Amino acid sequence: MPKISEPTVAEHRARQLRTLLDAARALVAEEGIEALSLAALARRVGLSRPSLYEYFRSRDDLVAAIVEEELPRWAELTERALSGPADLVGKIEAYVRAQLVVMTDGRHAAAVALVEHALAEPARERIRDGHAMLMKPLVTALAEAGVPDPGLRAELVQGVVDAAAGAAQRRPGRAEAVIEAAVAQAVHGLGGGAS
């Protein structure tokens, strides 16, 4: 039996999983999405590939695990941001800002990039389910304000956020300007100025 470094096997596995996910994020950040493979991760952490298969069945499973680990923190930040403003415009602005701050910071950049990479449908479905959790506070705010079809409207706001995240990646050093433009777009449309 392999030697464990924690008081219980469950704690050892949880710590090992955190180590693997941190190493996978670092691999993507340092070498790009294409560098992420189970073989590369195994080399980086010093495990055999068969040992790695105890945690991830495939590269897609690894990608989904990285994103799923980030989603609860991301959802909490989003929910907290929307709890502040009392009016709908303030809530939409808070949502866009919170999403883009997370999507443009270093810790989450790997997860965001991985979501955009081609994945098999089961992994994409796991990520979509998690992403719905992120939009729930916005859907609730829109519904409470009497906005028709709040789910669709939330998806459209999220579309602005997703486009802005891509624009920020293509414009290094201009993330704040992109965030401001996205807020103005989401809140005021093309006819509006700054938020």
N, C-alpha and C. Protein backbone atom coordinates (compact mmCIF):
# COMPACT_ATOMS: atom_id res chain seq x y z
N MET A 1 0.86 -1.19 0.00
CA MET A 1 0.00 0.00 0.00
C MET A 1 0.90 1.24 0.00
N PRO A 2 0.56 2.25 -0.82
CA PRO A 2 1.39 3.45 -0.87
C PRO A 2 1.34 4.21 0.45
N LYS A 3 2.43 4.88 0.75
CA LYS A 3 2.52 5.66 1.98
C LYS A 3 1.67 6.93 1.83
N ILE A 4 0.87 7.24 2.86
CA ILE A 4 0.04 8.44 2.82
C ILE A 4 0.65 9.50 3.73
N SER A 5 0.39 10.76 3.39
CA SER A 5 1.02 11.86 4.12
C SER A 5 0.04 12.59 5.03
N GLU A 6 -1.15 12.06 5.19
CA GLU A 6 -2.18 12.68 6.02
C GLU A 6 -2.71 11.64 7.00
N PRO A 7 -3.42 12.08 8.05
CA PRO A 7 -3.93 11.12 9.05
C PRO A 7 -4.86 10.05 8.49
N THR A 8 -5.62 10.37 7.44
CA THR A 8 -6.53 9.38 6.87
C THR A 8 -6.31 9.31 5.36
N VAL A 9 -6.77 8.22 4.77
CA VAL A 9 -6.67 8.05 3.32
C VAL A 9 -7.50 9.14 2.62
N ALA A 10 -8.68 9.44 3.15
CA ALA A 10 -9.54 10.46 2.54
C ALA A 10 -8.84 11.82 2.54
N GLU A 11 -8.20 12.18 3.64
CA GLU A 11 -7.48 13.45 3.70
C GLU A 11 -6.28 13.46 2.76
N HIS A 12 -5.62 12.33 2.65
CA HIS A 12 -4.49 12.21 1.72
C HIS A 12 -4.97 12.41 0.28
N ARG A 13 -6.07 11.76 -0.08
CA ARG A 13 -6.60 11.89 -1.45
C ARG A 13 -7.04 13.34 -1.72
N ALA A 14 -7.67 13.98 -0.75
CA ALA A 14 -8.12 15.37 -0.93
C ALA A 14 -6.92 16.29 -1.13
N ARG A 15 -5.88 16.08 -0.35
CA ARG A 15 -4.67 16.91 -0.50
C ARG A 15 -4.01 16.63 -1.85
N GLN A 16 -3.93 15.37 -2.23
CA GLN A 16 -3.32 15.01 -3.52
C GLN A 16 -4.11 15.63 -4.68
N LEU A 17 -5.43 15.62 -4.58
CA LEU A 17 -6.26 16.20 -5.62
C LEU A 17 -5.99 17.71 -5.72
N ARG A 18 -5.93 18.40 -4.59
CA ARG A 18 -5.61 19.84 -4.61
C ARG A 18 -4.27 20.09 -5.25
N THR A 19 -3.27 19.26 -4.92
CA THR A 19 -1.93 19.39 -5.50
C THR A 19 -1.98 19.20 -7.01
N LEU A 20 -2.72 18.20 -7.46
CA LEU A 20 -2.83 17.94 -8.89
C LEU A 20 -3.51 19.10 -9.62
N LEU A 21 -4.58 19.62 -9.05
CA LEU A 21 -5.30 20.72 -9.70
C LEU A 21 -4.45 21.99 -9.73
N ASP A 22 -3.73 22.26 -8.65
CA ASP A 22 -2.82 23.42 -8.64
C ASP A 22 -1.73 23.27 -9.69
N ALA A 23 -1.18 22.07 -9.79
CA ALA A 23 -0.13 21.81 -10.77
C ALA A 23 -0.67 21.93 -12.20
N ALA A 24 -1.89 21.47 -12.41
CA ALA A 24 -2.49 21.57 -13.75
C ALA A 24 -2.72 23.03 -14.12
N ARG A 25 -3.22 23.83 -13.17
CA ARG A 25 -3.41 25.26 -13.43
C ARG A 25 -2.08 25.93 -13.75
N ALA A 26 -1.05 25.59 -12.99
CA ALA A 26 0.28 26.17 -13.23
C ALA A 26 0.80 25.76 -14.61
N LEU A 27 0.59 24.53 -14.99
CA LEU A 27 1.03 24.05 -16.29
C LEU A 27 0.38 24.85 -17.42
N VAL A 28 -0.94 25.09 -17.30
CA VAL A 28 -1.65 25.87 -18.31
C VAL A 28 -1.14 27.31 -18.32
N ALA A 29 -0.96 27.89 -17.13
CA ALA A 29 -0.50 29.29 -17.05
C ALA A 29 0.90 29.46 -17.65
N GLU A 30 1.77 28.48 -17.43
CA GLU A 30 3.16 28.60 -17.88
C GLU A 30 3.36 28.19 -19.34
N GLU A 31 2.62 27.15 -19.79
CA GLU A 31 2.91 26.57 -21.10
C GLU A 31 1.75 26.60 -22.08
N GLY A 32 0.58 27.04 -21.63
CA GLY A 32 -0.58 27.10 -22.52
C GLY A 32 -1.45 25.86 -22.42
N ILE A 33 -2.64 25.99 -22.97
CA ILE A 33 -3.65 24.92 -22.89
C ILE A 33 -3.17 23.64 -23.55
N GLU A 34 -2.48 23.78 -24.67
CA GLU A 34 -2.04 22.60 -25.41
C GLU A 34 -1.10 21.72 -24.59
N ALA A 35 -0.41 22.32 -23.62
CA ALA A 35 0.55 21.57 -22.81
C ALA A 35 -0.13 20.68 -21.78
N LEU A 36 -1.40 20.92 -21.51
CA LEU A 36 -2.09 20.16 -20.47
C LEU A 36 -2.46 18.78 -20.98
N SER A 37 -1.84 17.79 -20.40
CA SER A 37 -2.18 16.40 -20.68
C SER A 37 -1.95 15.62 -19.39
N LEU A 38 -2.52 14.44 -19.32
CA LEU A 38 -2.30 13.63 -18.12
C LEU A 38 -0.83 13.25 -18.00
N ALA A 39 -0.18 12.99 -19.12
CA ALA A 39 1.25 12.63 -19.08
C ALA A 39 2.09 13.79 -18.55
N ALA A 40 1.81 15.01 -19.04
CA ALA A 40 2.57 16.18 -18.59
C ALA A 40 2.32 16.45 -17.11
N LEU A 41 1.08 16.29 -16.68
CA LEU A 41 0.76 16.50 -15.27
C LEU A 41 1.45 15.45 -14.40
N ALA A 42 1.44 14.20 -14.84
CA ALA A 42 2.11 13.13 -14.09
C ALA A 42 3.60 13.44 -13.93
N ARG A 43 4.25 13.89 -15.02
CA ARG A 43 5.67 14.25 -14.94
C ARG A 43 5.89 15.39 -13.96
N ARG A 44 5.02 16.38 -14.01
CA ARG A 44 5.19 17.57 -13.17
C ARG A 44 5.10 17.23 -11.69
N VAL A 45 4.19 16.35 -11.32
CA VAL A 45 3.99 16.05 -9.90
C VAL A 45 4.71 14.79 -9.45
N GLY A 46 5.33 14.08 -10.39
CA GLY A 46 6.09 12.90 -10.03
C GLY A 46 5.25 11.67 -9.74
N LEU A 47 4.10 11.58 -10.37
CA LEU A 47 3.25 10.40 -10.23
C LEU A 47 3.28 9.60 -11.53
N SER A 48 2.96 8.35 -11.43
CA SER A 48 2.81 7.54 -12.65
C SER A 48 1.45 7.86 -13.26
N ARG A 49 1.34 7.65 -14.56
CA ARG A 49 0.05 7.89 -15.22
C ARG A 49 -1.05 7.01 -14.64
N PRO A 50 -0.78 5.72 -14.36
CA PRO A 50 -1.84 4.92 -13.74
C PRO A 50 -2.32 5.50 -12.40
N SER A 51 -1.41 6.08 -11.62
CA SER A 51 -1.82 6.71 -10.36
C SER A 51 -2.71 7.92 -10.62
N LEU A 52 -2.40 8.65 -11.67
CA LEU A 52 -3.18 9.82 -12.03
C LEU A 52 -4.60 9.43 -12.46
N TYR A 53 -4.73 8.24 -13.07
CA TYR A 53 -6.05 7.78 -13.50
C TYR A 53 -6.99 7.50 -12.32
N GLU A 54 -6.44 7.41 -11.12
CA GLU A 54 -7.29 7.27 -9.94
C GLU A 54 -8.06 8.56 -9.68
N TYR A 55 -7.55 9.67 -10.19
CA TYR A 55 -8.18 10.97 -9.98
C TYR A 55 -8.93 11.48 -11.21
N PHE A 56 -8.39 11.21 -12.40
CA PHE A 56 -8.98 11.72 -13.64
C PHE A 56 -8.96 10.62 -14.69
N ARG A 57 -10.09 10.37 -15.33
CA ARG A 57 -10.17 9.35 -16.36
C ARG A 57 -9.61 9.83 -17.70
N SER A 58 -9.63 11.15 -17.90
CA SER A 58 -9.20 11.71 -19.19
C SER A 58 -8.80 13.17 -18.99
N ARG A 59 -8.25 13.74 -20.04
CA ARG A 59 -7.90 15.17 -20.02
C ARG A 59 -9.16 16.01 -19.80
N ASP A 60 -10.26 15.64 -20.45
CA ASP A 60 -11.51 16.37 -20.27
C ASP A 60 -11.98 16.32 -18.82
N ASP A 61 -11.82 15.17 -18.19
CA ASP A 61 -12.18 15.03 -16.78
C ASP A 61 -11.32 15.96 -15.92
N LEU A 62 -10.05 16.07 -16.25
CA LEU A 62 -9.14 16.97 -15.54
C LEU A 62 -9.58 18.42 -15.73
N VAL A 63 -9.89 18.81 -16.96
CA VAL A 63 -10.33 20.18 -17.25
C VAL A 63 -11.60 20.49 -16.46
N ALA A 64 -12.57 19.58 -16.50
CA ALA A 64 -13.83 19.80 -15.78
C ALA A 64 -13.56 19.93 -14.28
N ALA A 65 -12.65 19.14 -13.75
CA ALA A 65 -12.33 19.22 -12.31
C ALA A 65 -11.71 20.57 -11.95
N ILE A 66 -10.85 21.09 -12.81
CA ILE A 66 -10.23 22.40 -12.56
C ILE A 66 -11.32 23.47 -12.51
N VAL A 67 -12.20 23.45 -13.48
CA VAL A 67 -13.26 24.46 -13.54
C VAL A 67 -14.22 24.29 -12.37
N GLU A 68 -14.62 23.05 -12.08
CA GLU A 68 -15.56 22.80 -10.99
C GLU A 68 -15.00 23.24 -9.64
N GLU A 69 -13.70 23.12 -9.46
CA GLU A 69 -13.10 23.56 -8.20
C GLU A 69 -13.21 25.08 -8.04
N GLU A 70 -13.13 25.81 -9.13
CA GLU A 70 -13.20 27.26 -9.08
C GLU A 70 -14.63 27.78 -8.91
N LEU A 71 -15.61 27.06 -9.41
CA LEU A 71 -16.98 27.58 -9.48
C LEU A 71 -17.58 27.97 -8.12
N PRO A 72 -17.45 27.21 -7.05
CA PRO A 72 -18.06 27.64 -5.79
C PRO A 72 -17.51 28.97 -5.28
N ARG A 73 -16.19 29.17 -5.38
CA ARG A 73 -15.61 30.46 -4.96
C ARG A 73 -16.12 31.58 -5.86
N TRP A 74 -16.16 31.30 -7.15
CA TRP A 74 -16.62 32.28 -8.12
C TRP A 74 -18.08 32.64 -7.86
N ALA A 75 -18.91 31.66 -7.58
CA ALA A 75 -20.33 31.90 -7.30
C ALA A 75 -20.50 32.72 -6.03
N GLU A 76 -19.69 32.42 -5.02
CA GLU A 76 -19.77 33.17 -3.77
C GLU A 76 -19.41 34.65 -3.98
N LEU A 77 -18.35 34.89 -4.75
CA LEU A 77 -17.96 36.27 -5.06
C LEU A 77 -19.08 36.99 -5.81
N THR A 78 -19.69 36.31 -6.75
CA THR A 78 -20.77 36.91 -7.54
C THR A 78 -21.97 37.22 -6.67
N GLU A 79 -22.35 36.27 -5.84
CA GLU A 79 -23.51 36.47 -4.97
C GLU A 79 -23.26 37.63 -4.01
N ARG A 80 -22.06 37.69 -3.46
CA ARG A 80 -21.71 38.78 -2.54
C ARG A 80 -21.78 40.12 -3.27
N ALA A 81 -21.29 40.18 -4.51
CA ALA A 81 -21.31 41.44 -5.27
C ALA A 81 -22.73 41.91 -5.52
N LEU A 82 -23.63 40.98 -5.82
CA LEU A 82 -25.01 41.37 -6.11
C LEU A 82 -25.82 41.69 -4.87
N SER A 83 -25.34 41.31 -3.70
CA SER A 83 -26.09 41.59 -2.48
C SER A 83 -25.97 43.05 -2.06
N GLY A 84 -24.99 43.77 -2.60
CA GLY A 84 -24.79 45.17 -2.21
C GLY A 84 -25.78 46.13 -2.81
N PRO A 85 -25.83 46.27 -4.13
CA PRO A 85 -26.71 47.27 -4.74
C PRO A 85 -28.18 46.94 -4.54
N ALA A 86 -28.99 48.01 -4.37
CA ALA A 86 -30.43 47.81 -4.17
C ALA A 86 -31.19 47.85 -5.49
N ASP A 87 -30.66 48.54 -6.49
CA ASP A 87 -31.39 48.69 -7.75
C ASP A 87 -30.87 47.72 -8.80
N LEU A 88 -31.68 47.48 -9.83
CA LEU A 88 -31.34 46.50 -10.86
C LEU A 88 -30.10 46.92 -11.64
N VAL A 89 -29.98 48.19 -12.00
CA VAL A 89 -28.81 48.65 -12.75
C VAL A 89 -27.54 48.39 -11.93
N GLY A 90 -27.60 48.67 -10.64
CA GLY A 90 -26.45 48.42 -9.77
C GLY A 90 -26.12 46.94 -9.68
N LYS A 91 -27.15 46.10 -9.68
CA LYS A 91 -26.92 44.65 -9.62
C LYS A 91 -26.29 44.14 -10.92
N ILE A 92 -26.77 44.63 -12.05
CA ILE A 92 -26.18 44.21 -13.33
C ILE A 92 -24.72 44.67 -13.40
N GLU A 93 -24.47 45.91 -13.01
CA GLU A 93 -23.09 46.42 -13.00
C GLU A 93 -22.22 45.58 -12.08
N ALA A 94 -22.72 45.25 -10.90
CA ALA A 94 -21.95 44.45 -9.95
C ALA A 94 -21.66 43.06 -10.51
N TYR A 95 -22.65 42.48 -11.21
CA TYR A 95 -22.47 41.16 -11.80
C TYR A 95 -21.37 41.19 -12.86
N VAL A 96 -21.46 42.15 -13.78
CA VAL A 96 -20.47 42.24 -14.86
C VAL A 96 -19.08 42.45 -14.28
N ARG A 97 -18.96 43.37 -13.33
CA ARG A 97 -17.65 43.65 -12.72
C ARG A 97 -17.10 42.41 -12.00
N ALA A 98 -17.95 41.77 -11.21
CA ALA A 98 -17.48 40.60 -10.44
C ALA A 98 -17.02 39.50 -11.38
N GLN A 99 -17.81 39.22 -12.41
CA GLN A 99 -17.44 38.17 -13.35
C GLN A 99 -16.12 38.49 -14.05
N LEU A 100 -15.97 39.73 -14.50
CA LEU A 100 -14.77 40.08 -15.25
C LEU A 100 -13.53 40.19 -14.38
N VAL A 101 -13.70 40.62 -13.16
CA VAL A 101 -12.54 40.64 -12.25
C VAL A 101 -12.02 39.22 -12.06
N VAL A 102 -12.94 38.29 -11.85
CA VAL A 102 -12.54 36.90 -11.68
C VAL A 102 -11.93 36.34 -12.97
N MET A 103 -12.58 36.64 -14.10
CA MET A 103 -12.13 36.07 -15.37
C MET A 103 -10.80 36.64 -15.85
N THR A 104 -10.42 37.80 -15.33
CA THR A 104 -9.16 38.40 -15.78
C THR A 104 -8.05 38.30 -14.74
N ASP A 105 -8.34 37.72 -13.57
CA ASP A 105 -7.24 37.56 -12.61
C ASP A 105 -6.47 36.28 -12.90
N GLY A 106 -5.27 36.19 -12.42
CA GLY A 106 -4.39 35.07 -12.75
C GLY A 106 -4.89 33.72 -12.31
N ARG A 107 -5.48 33.62 -11.13
CA ARG A 107 -5.90 32.32 -10.59
C ARG A 107 -6.96 31.67 -11.47
N HIS A 108 -7.88 32.45 -11.97
CA HIS A 108 -8.99 31.90 -12.73
C HIS A 108 -8.73 31.87 -14.22
N ALA A 109 -7.68 32.53 -14.67
CA ALA A 109 -7.43 32.62 -16.11
C ALA A 109 -7.30 31.24 -16.75
N ALA A 110 -6.64 30.32 -16.06
CA ALA A 110 -6.49 28.96 -16.61
C ALA A 110 -7.84 28.29 -16.76
N ALA A 111 -8.71 28.44 -15.76
CA ALA A 111 -10.04 27.82 -15.84
C ALA A 111 -10.84 28.42 -16.98
N VAL A 112 -10.77 29.75 -17.13
CA VAL A 112 -11.51 30.41 -18.21
C VAL A 112 -11.00 29.93 -19.56
N ALA A 113 -9.68 29.88 -19.72
CA ALA A 113 -9.11 29.43 -20.99
C ALA A 113 -9.50 27.99 -21.29
N LEU A 114 -9.51 27.15 -20.27
CA LEU A 114 -9.84 25.75 -20.47
C LEU A 114 -11.29 25.56 -20.90
N VAL A 115 -12.19 26.38 -20.37
CA VAL A 115 -13.60 26.27 -20.74
C VAL A 115 -13.77 26.51 -22.23
N GLU A 116 -12.97 27.43 -22.77
CA GLU A 116 -13.09 27.78 -24.18
C GLU A 116 -12.46 26.74 -25.10
N HIS A 117 -11.68 25.82 -24.55
CA HIS A 117 -11.02 24.81 -25.36
C HIS A 117 -12.02 23.70 -25.70
N ALA A 118 -11.78 23.02 -26.79
CA ALA A 118 -12.68 21.95 -27.23
C ALA A 118 -12.70 20.82 -26.21
N LEU A 119 -13.87 20.51 -25.72
CA LEU A 119 -14.06 19.43 -24.76
C LEU A 119 -15.16 18.50 -25.26
N ALA A 120 -15.11 17.27 -24.80
CA ALA A 120 -16.18 16.33 -25.13
C ALA A 120 -17.45 16.75 -24.39
N GLU A 121 -18.59 16.34 -24.89
CA GLU A 121 -19.87 16.79 -24.37
C GLU A 121 -20.07 16.51 -22.87
N PRO A 122 -19.69 15.36 -22.33
CA PRO A 122 -19.91 15.17 -20.88
C PRO A 122 -19.19 16.22 -20.03
N ALA A 123 -17.97 16.59 -20.41
CA ALA A 123 -17.24 17.61 -19.66
C ALA A 123 -17.90 18.97 -19.84
N ARG A 124 -18.32 19.27 -21.05
CA ARG A 124 -18.99 20.56 -21.32
C ARG A 124 -20.28 20.66 -20.50
N GLU A 125 -21.00 19.55 -20.38
CA GLU A 125 -22.25 19.56 -19.61
C GLU A 125 -21.97 19.82 -18.13
N ARG A 126 -20.92 19.21 -17.59
CA ARG A 126 -20.56 19.46 -16.19
C ARG A 126 -20.25 20.94 -15.98
N ILE A 127 -19.55 21.53 -16.92
CA ILE A 127 -19.18 22.94 -16.80
C ILE A 127 -20.41 23.83 -16.97
N ARG A 128 -21.29 23.50 -17.90
CA ARG A 128 -22.52 24.29 -18.09
C ARG A 128 -23.37 24.28 -16.82
N ASP A 129 -23.48 23.11 -16.19
CA ASP A 129 -24.26 23.02 -14.96
C ASP A 129 -23.67 23.93 -13.89
N GLY A 130 -22.37 23.92 -13.77
CA GLY A 130 -21.72 24.80 -12.80
C GLY A 130 -21.88 26.26 -13.14
N HIS A 131 -21.82 26.57 -14.42
CA HIS A 131 -21.95 27.95 -14.86
C HIS A 131 -23.34 28.50 -14.57
N ALA A 132 -24.35 27.65 -14.63
CA ALA A 132 -25.71 28.09 -14.30
C ALA A 132 -25.77 28.59 -12.87
N MET A 133 -24.97 27.99 -11.99
CA MET A 133 -24.90 28.42 -10.60
C MET A 133 -24.38 29.86 -10.52
N LEU A 134 -23.46 30.23 -11.40
CA LEU A 134 -22.92 31.59 -11.40
C LEU A 134 -23.97 32.61 -11.80
N MET A 135 -24.84 32.26 -12.72
CA MET A 135 -25.85 33.20 -13.23
C MET A 135 -27.09 33.29 -12.34
N LYS A 136 -27.24 32.36 -11.43
CA LYS A 136 -28.46 32.31 -10.61
C LYS A 136 -28.75 33.63 -9.89
N PRO A 137 -27.77 34.28 -9.24
CA PRO A 137 -28.09 35.55 -8.57
C PRO A 137 -28.58 36.63 -9.55
N LEU A 138 -28.03 36.66 -10.76
CA LEU A 138 -28.47 37.63 -11.75
C LEU A 138 -29.88 37.30 -12.22
N VAL A 139 -30.17 36.04 -12.49
CA VAL A 139 -31.52 35.64 -12.89
C VAL A 139 -32.52 36.05 -11.82
N THR A 140 -32.18 35.81 -10.56
CA THR A 140 -33.06 36.17 -9.45
C THR A 140 -33.30 37.68 -9.41
N ALA A 141 -32.23 38.47 -9.55
CA ALA A 141 -32.38 39.94 -9.54
C ALA A 141 -33.26 40.42 -10.68
N LEU A 142 -33.07 39.85 -11.86
CA LEU A 142 -33.89 40.24 -13.01
C LEU A 142 -35.35 39.85 -12.79
N ALA A 143 -35.60 38.66 -12.26
CA ALA A 143 -36.97 38.21 -12.00
C ALA A 143 -37.64 39.10 -10.96
N GLU A 144 -36.91 39.42 -9.89
CA GLU A 144 -37.48 40.26 -8.84
C GLU A 144 -37.79 41.67 -9.35
N ALA A 145 -37.08 42.13 -10.35
CA ALA A 145 -37.33 43.45 -10.93
C ALA A 145 -38.42 43.41 -11.99
N GLY A 146 -38.97 42.22 -12.26
CA GLY A 146 -40.06 42.10 -13.23
C GLY A 146 -39.59 42.09 -14.68
N VAL A 147 -38.32 41.81 -14.91
CA VAL A 147 -37.81 41.75 -16.28
C VAL A 147 -38.35 40.49 -16.94
N PRO A 148 -38.94 40.63 -18.14
CA PRO A 148 -39.46 39.44 -18.81
C PRO A 148 -38.33 38.47 -19.20
N ASP A 149 -38.61 37.20 -19.12
CA ASP A 149 -37.68 36.14 -19.50
C ASP A 149 -36.29 36.36 -18.87
N PRO A 150 -36.23 36.35 -17.54
CA PRO A 150 -34.98 36.66 -16.85
C PRO A 150 -33.83 35.71 -17.17
N GLY A 151 -34.12 34.47 -17.46
CA GLY A 151 -33.06 33.52 -17.82
C GLY A 151 -32.37 33.90 -19.11
N LEU A 152 -33.17 34.26 -20.12
CA LEU A 152 -32.61 34.70 -21.40
C LEU A 152 -31.83 35.99 -21.22
N ARG A 153 -32.40 36.94 -20.49
CA ARG A 153 -31.71 38.22 -20.28
C ARG A 153 -30.38 38.01 -19.55
N ALA A 154 -30.35 37.10 -18.59
CA ALA A 154 -29.09 36.81 -17.88
C ALA A 154 -28.07 36.21 -18.85
N GLU A 155 -28.53 35.33 -19.74
CA GLU A 155 -27.62 34.76 -20.74
C GLU A 155 -27.04 35.85 -21.63
N LEU A 156 -27.85 36.84 -21.99
CA LEU A 156 -27.37 37.93 -22.84
C LEU A 156 -26.34 38.79 -22.11
N VAL A 157 -26.59 39.07 -20.84
CA VAL A 157 -25.60 39.81 -20.05
C VAL A 157 -24.32 38.98 -19.96
N GLN A 158 -24.47 37.68 -19.75
CA GLN A 158 -23.29 36.80 -19.68
C GLN A 158 -22.54 36.81 -21.01
N GLY A 159 -23.26 36.94 -22.12
CA GLY A 159 -22.62 37.04 -23.43
C GLY A 159 -21.70 38.25 -23.50
N VAL A 160 -22.13 39.37 -22.94
CA VAL A 160 -21.29 40.57 -22.88
C VAL A 160 -20.05 40.27 -22.03
N VAL A 161 -20.27 39.61 -20.91
CA VAL A 161 -19.14 39.27 -20.02
C VAL A 161 -18.15 38.37 -20.74
N ASP A 162 -18.64 37.34 -21.42
CA ASP A 162 -17.75 36.41 -22.12
C ASP A 162 -16.96 37.11 -23.22
N ALA A 163 -17.64 37.97 -23.97
CA ALA A 163 -16.95 38.72 -25.03
C ALA A 163 -15.90 39.65 -24.42
N ALA A 164 -16.23 40.28 -23.31
CA ALA A 164 -15.28 41.19 -22.67
C ALA A 164 -14.07 40.44 -22.12
N ALA A 165 -14.29 39.24 -21.60
CA ALA A 165 -13.16 38.45 -21.10
C ALA A 165 -12.19 38.14 -22.24
N GLY A 166 -12.72 37.78 -23.40
CA GLY A 166 -11.88 37.53 -24.57
C GLY A 166 -11.16 38.78 -25.00
N ALA A 167 -11.86 39.91 -24.99
CA ALA A 167 -11.24 41.18 -25.39
C ALA A 167 -10.12 41.56 -24.42
N ALA A 168 -10.32 41.32 -23.14
CA ALA A 168 -9.29 41.64 -22.15
C ALA A 168 -8.04 40.78 -22.36
N GLN A 169 -8.24 39.51 -22.74
CA GLN A 169 -7.09 38.64 -22.99
C GLN A 169 -6.30 39.11 -24.21
N ARG A 170 -7.00 39.67 -25.18
CA ARG A 170 -6.32 40.16 -26.39
C ARG A 170 -5.70 41.54 -26.20
N ARG A 171 -6.04 42.20 -25.09
CA ARG A 171 -5.54 43.54 -24.81
C ARG A 171 -4.86 43.57 -23.44
N PRO A 172 -3.73 42.92 -23.31
CA PRO A 172 -3.04 42.90 -22.01
C PRO A 172 -2.79 44.32 -21.51
N GLY A 173 -3.01 44.51 -20.23
CA GLY A 173 -2.80 45.82 -19.64
C GLY A 173 -3.99 46.75 -19.76
N ARG A 174 -5.05 46.32 -20.44
CA ARG A 174 -6.22 47.18 -20.63
C ARG A 174 -7.47 46.56 -20.02
N ALA A 175 -7.30 45.66 -19.08
CA ALA A 175 -8.45 44.95 -18.50
C ALA A 175 -9.46 45.92 -17.90
N GLU A 176 -9.00 46.94 -17.20
CA GLU A 176 -9.94 47.87 -16.56
C GLU A 176 -10.77 48.62 -17.60
N ALA A 177 -10.16 49.04 -18.69
CA ALA A 177 -10.91 49.73 -19.75
C ALA A 177 -11.95 48.79 -20.37
N VAL A 178 -11.59 47.54 -20.55
CA VAL A 178 -12.53 46.56 -21.10
C VAL A 178 -13.69 46.35 -20.12
N ILE A 179 -13.38 46.25 -18.85
CA ILE A 179 -14.44 46.07 -17.84
C ILE A 179 -15.40 47.26 -17.86
N GLU A 180 -14.87 48.47 -17.93
CA GLU A 180 -15.72 49.66 -17.98
C GLU A 180 -16.62 49.65 -19.21
N ALA A 181 -16.05 49.29 -20.35
CA ALA A 181 -16.85 49.23 -21.59
C ALA A 181 -17.93 48.15 -21.49
N ALA A 182 -17.60 47.01 -20.89
CA ALA A 182 -18.57 45.92 -20.75
C ALA A 182 -19.71 46.33 -19.82
N VAL A 183 -19.38 47.01 -18.73
CA VAL A 183 -20.42 47.49 -17.81
C VAL A 183 -21.35 48.45 -18.54
N ALA A 184 -20.77 49.42 -19.27
CA ALA A 184 -21.59 50.38 -20.01
C ALA A 184 -22.47 49.66 -21.04
N GLN A 185 -21.92 48.68 -21.72
CA GLN A 185 -22.68 47.93 -22.73
C GLN A 185 -23.82 47.16 -22.09
N ALA A 186 -23.54 46.45 -21.02
CA ALA A 186 -24.56 45.62 -20.36
C ALA A 186 -25.66 46.46 -19.73
N VAL A 187 -25.29 47.61 -19.18
CA VAL A 187 -26.27 48.42 -18.46
C VAL A 187 -27.01 49.39 -19.38
N HIS A 188 -26.27 49.98 -20.32
CA HIS A 188 -26.87 51.06 -21.13
C HIS A 188 -26.98 50.73 -22.62
N GLY A 189 -26.41 49.63 -23.08
CA GLY A 189 -26.42 49.31 -24.50
C GLY A 189 -25.51 50.27 -25.26
N LEU A 190 -25.67 50.33 -26.53
CA LEU A 190 -24.82 51.18 -27.36
C LEU A 190 -25.08 52.66 -27.15
N GLY A 191 -26.27 53.01 -26.66
CA GLY A 191 -26.61 54.42 -26.48
C GLY A 191 -26.07 55.02 -25.21
N GLY A 192 -25.53 54.19 -24.32
CA GLY A 192 -25.08 54.70 -23.03
C GLY A 192 -23.62 55.05 -23.00
N GLY A 193 -23.30 55.88 -22.07
CA GLY A 193 -21.90 56.24 -21.85
C GLY A 193 -21.33 55.37 -20.76
N ALA A 194 -20.49 55.97 -19.97
CA ALA A 194 -19.89 55.24 -18.85
C ALA A 194 -20.98 54.91 -17.84
N SER A 195 -20.73 53.85 -17.08
CA SER A 195 -21.72 53.41 -16.09
C SER A 195 -21.83 54.40 -14.97
